[in-house]
Amino acid sequence: MTTTPVRSPRSSTELIRAEESVLAHNYHPLPVVVARAEGVWVEDVEGRRYLDMLAGYSALNFGHRHPALIAAAHRQLDEVTLTSRAFHNDRLAGFAEGLAELTGLDVTLPMNTGAEAVESGIKVARKWAYEVKGVAPDRATIVVAAGNFHGRTTTIVGFSSDAGARNGFGPFAPGFRVVPYNDLAALEAAVDETTAAVLIEPIQGEAGVVIPDDGYLTGVREVTRRAGCLLIADEIQSGLGRTGTTLAVEHESVLPDVLLLGKALGGGIVPVSAVVARRDVLAVLRPGDHGSTFGGNPLSAAVGSAVVELLATGEFQRRAAELGEVLRGGLAALTGKGVVGFRARGLWAGVDVDPAIGTGREISERLLHEGVLVKDTHGSTIRLAPPLTITREELESALASLEKVLTA
């Protein structure tokens, strides 16, 4: 951040108070007001700098304002930004072709947000169950895992096991069976002739970066094959380089029938999500069945294509794998020094802090004062998910700040 920033006429405190008076209180942000950002660093309205160790819940896998992504957006802004799907545009085919090659699947349904991708995947699975599998009308079921986070629409929170997400928002849509995560026997018992799909996160992010046992995802794939139902992998947080591979399912060489992507697919610039699937699965959709005014717009497709090009080199996957070992080593060294446990894969970790030291929120606030941005999840757990562009020195600096906070 070498240019002179344009300062806000109002202080952080004034802006926070203004937000609280005019915005719905559906978030509890940390008390920092970001005005500028570049790479792994953000700057508040007073000019204080912070190392971003959250990366927009993986939406900023390539850091803030990555030059290649910004350039792609600028070029497209000078051409055309929106056509709606009423017409073709010259960017969408290339985006879909690149995404198919990157993921090993065939056809893309472009949407905007992660929750839209999940809702779209649910609709596709149900229609596939009726038209292809032969499930009786309105009897299709989808098996999901407890501890899941797939979004906050009313359909999705209806099968959440998080009381905070569910309470006060019913009645909920039927047709979902919730089983314990990482319990293959329970999942197999829940699958029957009505099952359209198993919808699973390869790693549960919101739950605290919960990683299943080795062989679990392979087992889920085998269960769905034997039962003749679809495997839907929600890689909205875990995908696109975060775990050291393009997709988290690649750690077990699993190829799902339907893949849900979002967050990093928009490069931190525009909301972009996608359902990527086998050709025969998405073939159940016909004109009028489903749609989105902004889904697949030229600006999103241009940025999404630039994201695919960055990942096609393998550089970011390698960085996540290599620096992930540094992250694991640093957290292992802190175990017993305030850290009571952690789970990490690539540049993604859930860190359980001794509750006697503080809640996850309190630890996040203390790190904020040290110039490091993280976010808490349940209880005394914080999540670390820095941009994949972080350097070893920056990562070690963040770990040193965590040690300082835990041992102060």
Protein backbone atom coordinates (compact mmCIF):
# COMPACT_ATOMS: atom_id res chain seq x y z
CA MET A 1 0.00 0.00 0.00
CA THR A 2 2.29 2.71 -1.29
CA THR A 3 -0.19 5.35 -2.40
CA THR A 4 -1.47 8.03 -0.07
CA PRO A 5 -4.93 6.96 1.13
CA VAL A 6 -7.97 9.20 1.12
CA ARG A 7 -8.95 9.37 4.77
CA SER A 8 -12.53 9.18 5.94
CA PRO A 9 -13.74 12.39 7.60
CA ARG A 10 -15.06 10.21 10.42
CA SER A 11 -13.11 8.14 12.95
CA SER A 12 -13.44 4.40 13.46
CA THR A 13 -15.57 4.99 16.54
CA GLU A 14 -17.91 7.33 14.67
CA LEU A 15 -18.27 4.94 11.74
CA ILE A 16 -18.96 1.96 14.00
CA ARG A 17 -21.66 3.91 15.83
CA ALA A 18 -23.15 5.00 12.51
CA GLU A 19 -23.27 1.40 11.27
CA GLU A 20 -24.94 0.24 14.45
CA SER A 21 -27.67 2.86 14.07
CA VAL A 22 -28.56 2.12 10.44
CA LEU A 23 -27.71 -1.56 9.82
CA ALA A 24 -29.49 -4.72 10.92
CA HIS A 25 -27.52 -6.33 13.74
CA ASN A 26 -27.01 -9.68 12.05
CA TYR A 27 -23.22 -9.50 12.53
CA HIS A 28 -20.94 -8.77 15.48
CA PRO A 29 -17.81 -7.42 13.76
CA LEU A 30 -14.53 -6.82 15.49
CA PRO A 31 -14.05 -3.09 16.20
CA VAL A 32 -11.87 -2.27 13.19
CA VAL A 33 -12.98 -0.17 10.20
CA VAL A 34 -11.03 -1.17 7.09
CA ALA A 35 -10.41 1.59 4.56
CA ARG A 36 -7.72 0.12 2.30
CA ALA A 37 -6.20 -3.28 1.60
CA GLU A 38 -3.49 -4.88 -0.49
CA GLY A 39 -2.12 -8.42 -0.43
CA VAL A 40 -2.30 -9.79 3.11
CA TRP A 41 -2.52 -6.36 4.76
CA VAL A 42 -5.44 -4.07 5.54
CA GLU A 43 -5.43 -0.53 6.88
CA ASP A 44 -8.07 1.17 9.02
CA VAL A 45 -9.35 4.73 8.69
CA GLU A 46 -6.71 6.00 11.13
CA GLY A 47 -3.90 4.39 9.12
CA ARG A 48 -3.19 1.42 11.42
CA ARG A 49 -2.13 -1.73 9.56
CA TYR A 50 -3.26 -5.30 10.28
CA LEU A 51 -2.24 -8.70 8.97
CA ASP A 52 -5.36 -10.38 7.61
CA MET A 53 -5.44 -13.97 8.87
CA LEU A 54 -9.09 -14.55 7.91
CA ALA A 55 -9.11 -13.72 4.18
CA GLY A 56 -12.86 -13.17 4.04
CA TYR A 57 -13.59 -16.76 5.16
CA SER A 58 -11.52 -17.93 2.13
CA ALA A 59 -13.08 -15.44 -0.30
CA LEU A 60 -9.67 -13.73 -0.47
CA ASN A 61 -7.50 -16.78 -1.14
CA PHE A 62 -5.36 -14.66 -3.49
CA GLY A 63 -5.14 -11.71 -1.14
CA HIS A 64 -6.67 -8.28 -1.40
CA ARG A 65 -6.64 -6.73 -4.86
CA HIS A 66 -4.50 -9.35 -6.59
CA PRO A 67 -3.06 -7.57 -9.66
CA ALA A 68 -4.19 -10.20 -12.18
CA LEU A 69 -7.73 -10.20 -10.82
CA ILE A 70 -7.98 -6.43 -10.61
CA ALA A 71 -6.71 -6.16 -14.19
CA ALA A 72 -9.31 -8.66 -15.41
CA ALA A 73 -12.08 -6.71 -13.67
CA HIS A 74 -10.87 -3.37 -15.07
CA ARG A 75 -10.75 -4.73 -18.61
CA GLN A 76 -14.26 -6.09 -18.35
CA LEU A 77 -15.65 -2.90 -16.79
CA ASP A 78 -14.69 -1.15 -20.02
CA GLU A 79 -16.65 -3.64 -22.12
CA VAL A 80 -19.89 -5.02 -20.65
CA THR A 81 -20.84 -5.95 -17.08
CA LEU A 82 -24.32 -7.48 -17.28
CA THR A 83 -26.47 -9.03 -19.98
CA SER A 84 -28.62 -11.37 -17.86
CA ARG A 85 -28.97 -14.91 -19.17
CA ALA A 86 -31.61 -13.66 -21.60
CA PHE A 87 -28.67 -13.26 -23.98
CA HIS A 88 -25.29 -14.89 -24.46
CA ASN A 89 -22.11 -13.08 -23.47
CA ASP A 90 -18.57 -13.54 -24.72
CA ARG A 91 -17.01 -14.40 -21.33
CA LEU A 92 -19.20 -17.18 -19.98
CA ALA A 93 -18.18 -20.09 -22.18
CA GLY A 94 -14.50 -19.63 -21.40
CA PHE A 95 -15.22 -19.47 -17.68
CA ALA A 96 -17.24 -22.70 -17.75
CA GLU A 97 -14.64 -24.48 -19.89
CA GLY A 98 -11.86 -23.50 -17.51
CA LEU A 99 -13.82 -24.56 -14.45
CA ALA A 100 -14.59 -27.95 -15.98
CA GLU A 101 -10.93 -28.56 -16.76
CA LEU A 102 -9.84 -27.42 -13.29
CA THR A 103 -12.32 -29.63 -11.42
CA GLY A 104 -12.53 -32.70 -13.64
CA LEU A 105 -16.28 -32.30 -14.10
CA ASP A 106 -18.34 -31.36 -17.14
CA VAL A 107 -20.97 -28.65 -16.87
CA THR A 108 -21.40 -25.46 -14.82
CA LEU A 109 -24.48 -23.73 -13.43
CA PRO A 110 -23.28 -20.20 -12.55
CA MET A 111 -24.77 -18.43 -9.55
CA ASN A 112 -23.70 -15.62 -7.22
CA THR A 113 -23.43 -16.61 -3.56
CA GLY A 114 -22.49 -19.79 -1.76
CA ALA A 115 -25.98 -20.24 -0.34
CA GLU A 116 -27.40 -19.94 -3.88
CA ALA A 117 -25.05 -22.68 -5.02
CA VAL A 118 -26.23 -24.95 -2.20
CA GLU A 119 -29.91 -24.23 -2.89
CA SER A 120 -29.29 -24.91 -6.58
CA GLY A 121 -27.54 -28.17 -5.79
CA ILE A 122 -30.51 -29.27 -3.67
CA LYS A 123 -32.96 -28.50 -6.49
CA VAL A 124 -30.83 -30.34 -9.05
CA ALA A 125 -30.48 -33.40 -6.80
CA ARG A 126 -34.21 -33.62 -6.21
CA LYS A 127 -35.07 -33.29 -9.90
CA TRP A 128 -32.42 -35.89 -10.76
CA ALA A 129 -33.92 -38.24 -8.16
CA TYR A 130 -37.37 -38.00 -9.75
CA GLU A 131 -36.35 -38.09 -13.41
CA VAL A 132 -33.37 -40.45 -13.31
CA LYS A 133 -33.46 -42.50 -10.13
CA GLY A 134 -37.22 -42.92 -10.14
CA VAL A 135 -38.02 -41.69 -6.62
CA ALA A 136 -41.75 -41.14 -6.10
CA PRO A 137 -42.85 -37.50 -6.46
CA ASP A 138 -42.14 -35.32 -3.40
CA ARG A 139 -40.45 -38.18 -1.54
CA ALA A 140 -36.79 -37.42 -2.24
CA THR A 141 -34.47 -37.12 0.76
CA ILE A 142 -31.01 -35.64 1.19
CA VAL A 143 -28.60 -36.82 3.89
CA VAL A 144 -26.51 -34.11 5.59
CA ALA A 145 -24.08 -33.99 8.52
CA ALA A 146 -24.50 -32.46 11.95
CA GLY A 147 -22.27 -29.46 12.51
CA ASN A 148 -22.70 -28.41 8.90
CA PHE A 149 -22.66 -24.87 7.60
CA HIS A 150 -24.06 -24.55 4.09
CA GLY A 151 -25.53 -21.04 4.33
CA ARG A 152 -28.35 -19.18 6.03
CA THR A 153 -31.39 -19.43 3.77
CA THR A 154 -34.51 -20.93 5.36
CA THR A 155 -34.10 -24.27 3.59
CA ILE A 156 -30.50 -24.60 4.70
CA VAL A 157 -30.91 -23.54 8.34
CA GLY A 158 -33.72 -26.07 8.56
CA PHE A 159 -31.15 -28.88 8.54
CA SER A 160 -28.56 -27.05 10.64
CA SER A 161 -27.74 -28.37 14.11
CA ASP A 162 -26.83 -24.83 15.25
CA ALA A 163 -29.65 -23.53 17.44
CA GLY A 164 -28.61 -19.94 16.73
CA ALA A 165 -29.10 -20.48 13.02
CA ARG A 166 -32.43 -22.33 13.38
CA ASN A 167 -34.35 -20.81 16.25
CA GLY A 168 -37.13 -18.47 15.22
CA PHE A 169 -37.01 -19.18 11.49
CA GLY A 170 -39.33 -22.19 11.05
CA PRO A 171 -41.34 -23.91 9.70
CA PHE A 172 -38.66 -25.68 7.71
CA ALA A 173 -38.66 -27.68 4.49
CA PRO A 174 -38.84 -31.46 4.98
CA GLY A 175 -36.72 -34.03 3.21
CA PHE A 176 -33.40 -33.85 5.07
CA ARG A 177 -31.82 -36.47 7.31
CA VAL A 178 -29.09 -35.31 9.68
CA VAL A 179 -26.41 -37.79 10.76
CA PRO A 180 -23.24 -37.30 12.83
CA TYR A 181 -20.25 -36.05 10.85
CA ASN A 182 -17.37 -38.51 10.40
CA ASP A 183 -19.67 -41.46 11.19
CA LEU A 184 -19.80 -43.63 8.10
CA ALA A 185 -22.08 -46.26 9.63
CA ALA A 186 -24.68 -43.66 10.60
CA LEU A 187 -24.57 -42.16 7.13
CA GLU A 188 -24.98 -45.54 5.45
CA ALA A 189 -27.93 -46.36 7.69
CA ALA A 190 -29.66 -43.10 6.68
CA VAL A 191 -29.38 -43.75 2.94
CA ASP A 192 -32.24 -45.63 1.29
CA GLU A 193 -34.17 -45.82 -1.97
CA THR A 194 -35.51 -42.25 -1.49
CA THR A 195 -32.08 -40.69 -1.13
CA ALA A 196 -31.30 -38.20 -3.87
CA ALA A 197 -27.92 -37.15 -2.52
CA VAL A 198 -25.49 -36.94 0.34
CA LEU A 199 -24.50 -33.29 0.88
CA ILE A 200 -21.24 -32.97 2.81
CA GLU A 201 -18.42 -30.55 3.55
CA PRO A 202 -15.09 -32.35 3.09
CA ILE A 203 -13.89 -30.20 6.00
CA GLN A 204 -16.39 -28.42 8.24
CA GLY A 205 -15.19 -24.82 8.36
CA GLU A 206 -17.70 -23.00 10.54
CA ALA A 207 -17.65 -25.86 13.04
CA GLY A 208 -13.97 -25.09 13.69
CA VAL A 209 -12.13 -26.63 10.73
CA VAL A 210 -13.20 -30.16 11.60
CA ILE A 211 -11.28 -32.69 9.50
CA PRO A 212 -12.75 -36.19 9.16
CA ASP A 213 -10.77 -39.38 9.64
CA ASP A 214 -8.72 -40.69 6.75
CA GLY A 215 -10.95 -42.84 4.57
CA TYR A 216 -14.20 -41.13 5.54
CA LEU A 217 -14.69 -39.30 2.25
CA THR A 218 -13.72 -42.42 0.30
CA GLY A 219 -16.31 -44.31 2.32
CA VAL A 220 -19.00 -41.70 1.63
CA ARG A 221 -18.21 -41.97 -2.09
CA GLU A 222 -18.63 -45.76 -1.96
CA VAL A 223 -21.90 -45.54 -0.02
CA THR A 224 -23.38 -43.17 -2.59
CA ARG A 225 -22.23 -45.35 -5.47
CA ARG A 226 -23.80 -48.46 -3.98
CA ALA A 227 -27.02 -46.61 -3.17
CA GLY A 228 -27.26 -45.01 -6.60
CA CYS A 229 -27.43 -41.47 -5.23
CA LEU A 230 -25.38 -38.35 -5.78
CA LEU A 231 -22.43 -37.10 -3.77
CA ILE A 232 -22.54 -33.31 -3.42
CA ALA A 233 -19.32 -31.79 -2.06
CA ASP A 234 -19.67 -28.30 -0.60
CA GLU A 235 -16.21 -26.82 -1.22
CA ILE A 236 -17.28 -23.19 -0.90
CA GLN A 237 -14.76 -22.62 1.90
CA SER A 238 -12.41 -25.58 1.49
CA GLY A 239 -11.91 -25.41 -2.27
CA LEU A 240 -9.73 -23.50 -4.71
CA GLY A 241 -6.34 -24.03 -3.12
CA ARG A 242 -7.08 -23.51 0.56
CA THR A 243 -6.04 -26.97 1.78
CA GLY A 244 -2.98 -27.47 -0.44
CA THR A 245 -4.90 -29.04 -3.31
CA THR A 246 -7.37 -27.48 -5.73
CA LEU A 247 -10.20 -29.26 -3.89
CA ALA A 248 -10.20 -30.77 -0.42
CA VAL A 249 -11.70 -34.03 -1.76
CA GLU A 250 -8.46 -34.55 -3.68
CA HIS A 251 -6.74 -35.54 -0.43
CA GLU A 252 -8.63 -38.83 -0.82
CA SER A 253 -8.80 -38.84 -4.63
CA VAL A 254 -12.59 -38.50 -4.52
CA LEU A 255 -14.52 -37.01 -7.43
CA PRO A 256 -18.05 -35.93 -6.44
CA ASP A 257 -21.01 -35.96 -8.80
CA VAL A 258 -21.81 -32.35 -7.90
CA LEU A 259 -19.37 -29.73 -6.65
CA LEU A 260 -20.38 -26.45 -5.00
CA LEU A 261 -17.95 -23.55 -5.28
CA GLY A 262 -18.04 -19.89 -4.22
CA LYS A 263 -16.08 -17.40 -2.10
CA ALA A 264 -12.58 -17.50 -3.70
CA LEU A 265 -14.15 -18.02 -7.13
CA GLY A 266 -14.93 -14.28 -7.15
CA GLY A 267 -11.38 -13.31 -6.27
CA GLY A 268 -12.57 -11.05 -3.46
CA ILE A 269 -14.00 -8.68 -6.09
CA VAL A 270 -17.48 -9.87 -7.02
CA PRO A 271 -19.73 -12.61 -5.63
CA VAL A 272 -19.39 -15.68 -7.86
CA SER A 273 -20.55 -19.22 -7.15
CA ALA A 274 -21.10 -22.29 -9.25
CA VAL A 275 -22.58 -25.75 -9.29
CA VAL A 276 -20.20 -27.91 -11.33
CA ALA A 277 -21.39 -31.41 -12.10
CA ARG A 278 -21.49 -34.38 -14.39
CA ARG A 279 -23.21 -33.59 -17.66
CA ASP A 280 -26.02 -36.08 -17.12
CA VAL A 281 -26.84 -34.61 -13.70
CA LEU A 282 -27.22 -31.00 -14.80
CA ALA A 283 -29.06 -32.20 -17.91
CA VAL A 284 -32.21 -32.44 -15.78
CA LEU A 285 -32.46 -28.63 -15.84
CA ARG A 286 -34.38 -27.12 -18.73
CA PRO A 287 -35.20 -23.50 -19.59
CA GLY A 288 -37.44 -22.06 -16.89
CA ASP A 289 -36.49 -24.59 -14.19
CA HIS A 290 -33.92 -22.38 -12.49
CA GLY A 291 -32.15 -19.09 -13.01
CA SER A 292 -30.38 -16.00 -11.74
CA THR A 293 -30.38 -12.50 -13.22
CA PHE A 294 -26.75 -11.89 -12.26
CA GLY A 295 -25.48 -15.49 -12.40
CA GLY A 296 -22.86 -15.84 -15.13
CA ASN A 297 -22.65 -12.11 -15.85
CA PRO A 298 -19.66 -11.01 -17.95
CA LEU A 299 -17.85 -9.27 -15.08
CA SER A 300 -18.16 -12.32 -12.83
CA ALA A 301 -17.12 -14.65 -15.63
CA ALA A 302 -14.06 -12.53 -16.41
CA VAL A 303 -12.92 -12.50 -12.79
CA GLY A 304 -13.77 -16.18 -12.36
CA SER A 305 -11.71 -17.05 -15.44
CA ALA A 306 -8.75 -15.13 -14.01
CA VAL A 307 -9.11 -17.11 -10.75
CA VAL A 308 -9.10 -20.37 -12.70
CA GLU A 309 -5.95 -19.25 -14.56
CA LEU A 310 -4.17 -18.52 -11.27
CA LEU A 311 -5.04 -21.97 -9.94
CA ALA A 312 -4.12 -23.74 -13.18
CA THR A 313 -0.44 -23.06 -12.50
CA GLY A 314 -0.54 -25.01 -9.21
CA GLU A 315 1.47 -22.27 -7.49
CA PHE A 316 -1.13 -21.43 -4.87
CA GLN A 317 -1.85 -25.05 -4.04
CA ARG A 318 1.88 -25.63 -3.48
CA ARG A 319 2.17 -22.52 -1.32
CA ALA A 320 -0.76 -23.64 0.83
CA ALA A 321 0.76 -27.09 1.29
CA GLU A 322 4.27 -25.83 2.09
CA LEU A 323 3.24 -22.98 4.38
CA GLY A 324 0.63 -25.25 5.92
CA GLU A 325 3.50 -27.22 7.43
CA VAL A 326 4.82 -24.01 8.98
CA LEU A 327 1.36 -23.29 10.38
CA ARG A 328 1.04 -26.79 11.82
CA GLY A 329 4.50 -26.59 13.36
CA GLY A 330 3.77 -23.23 14.94
CA LEU A 331 0.50 -24.40 16.43
CA ALA A 332 2.09 -27.61 17.69
CA ALA A 333 4.71 -25.50 19.49
CA LEU A 334 1.89 -23.54 21.17
CA THR A 335 0.07 -26.65 22.35
CA GLY A 336 0.24 -26.60 26.13
CA LYS A 337 0.98 -22.87 26.06
CA GLY A 338 -2.63 -21.80 25.81
CA VAL A 339 -3.57 -23.96 22.83
CA VAL A 340 -5.38 -27.12 23.96
CA GLY A 341 -5.90 -28.53 20.47
CA PHE A 342 -5.96 -27.65 16.80
CA ARG A 343 -6.93 -29.02 13.41
CA ALA A 344 -5.13 -27.84 10.28
CA ARG A 345 -4.94 -28.67 6.62
CA GLY A 346 -3.05 -26.41 4.25
CA LEU A 347 -3.41 -22.77 5.25
CA TRP A 348 -6.54 -23.40 7.29
CA ALA A 349 -6.75 -24.12 10.99
CA GLY A 350 -9.19 -24.26 13.85
CA VAL A 351 -7.42 -23.48 17.13
CA ASP A 352 -8.93 -24.40 20.49
CA VAL A 353 -7.75 -22.05 23.23
CA ASP A 354 -7.82 -22.83 26.93
CA PRO A 355 -11.16 -21.32 28.06
CA ALA A 356 -9.40 -20.03 31.19
CA ILE A 357 -7.45 -17.67 28.92
CA GLY A 358 -10.49 -16.36 27.09
CA THR A 359 -13.30 -16.96 24.66
CA GLY A 360 -12.64 -17.03 20.95
CA ARG A 361 -14.04 -13.51 20.73
CA GLU A 362 -11.74 -12.25 23.47
CA ILE A 363 -8.68 -13.83 21.85
CA SER A 364 -9.67 -12.26 18.51
CA GLU A 365 -9.95 -8.84 20.14
CA ARG A 366 -6.53 -9.21 21.80
CA LEU A 367 -4.98 -10.20 18.48
CA LEU A 368 -6.61 -7.16 16.91
CA HIS A 369 -4.61 -4.98 19.29
CA GLU A 370 -1.48 -6.82 18.14
CA GLY A 371 -2.27 -5.99 14.51
CA VAL A 372 -3.57 -9.44 13.51
CA LEU A 373 -7.12 -10.12 12.29
CA VAL A 374 -8.75 -13.50 13.00
CA LYS A 375 -12.31 -14.56 13.77
CA ASP A 376 -13.77 -16.71 16.46
CA THR A 377 -16.23 -19.51 16.03
CA HIS A 378 -17.86 -21.61 18.74
CA GLY A 379 -16.65 -21.30 22.33
CA SER A 380 -12.92 -20.67 22.65
CA THR A 381 -12.04 -21.61 19.09
CA ILE A 382 -10.53 -19.25 16.53
CA ARG A 383 -10.03 -19.81 12.82
CA LEU A 384 -6.89 -19.03 10.86
CA ALA A 385 -7.20 -18.78 7.08
CA PRO A 386 -4.68 -16.30 5.69
CA PRO A 387 -4.45 -15.44 2.00
CA LEU A 388 -2.40 -18.00 0.10
CA THR A 389 -0.06 -15.16 -0.86
CA ILE A 390 1.24 -14.80 2.70
CA THR A 391 4.99 -15.16 3.18
CA ARG A 392 6.64 -17.45 5.70
CA GLU A 393 7.87 -14.40 7.62
CA GLU A 394 4.36 -12.92 7.81
CA LEU A 395 2.91 -16.25 8.92
CA GLU A 396 5.56 -16.66 11.62
CA SER A 397 4.86 -13.09 12.77
CA ALA A 398 1.17 -13.91 13.18
CA LEU A 399 2.03 -17.05 15.16
CA ALA A 400 4.34 -15.00 17.38
CA SER A 401 1.49 -12.57 18.04
CA LEU A 402 -0.77 -15.48 18.96
CA GLU A 403 1.86 -16.77 21.39
CA LYS A 404 2.15 -13.31 22.94
CA VAL A 405 -1.61 -13.07 23.44
CA LEU A 406 -1.86 -16.57 24.91
CA THR A 407 1.05 -16.19 27.33
CA ALA A 408 0.59 -12.56 28.38
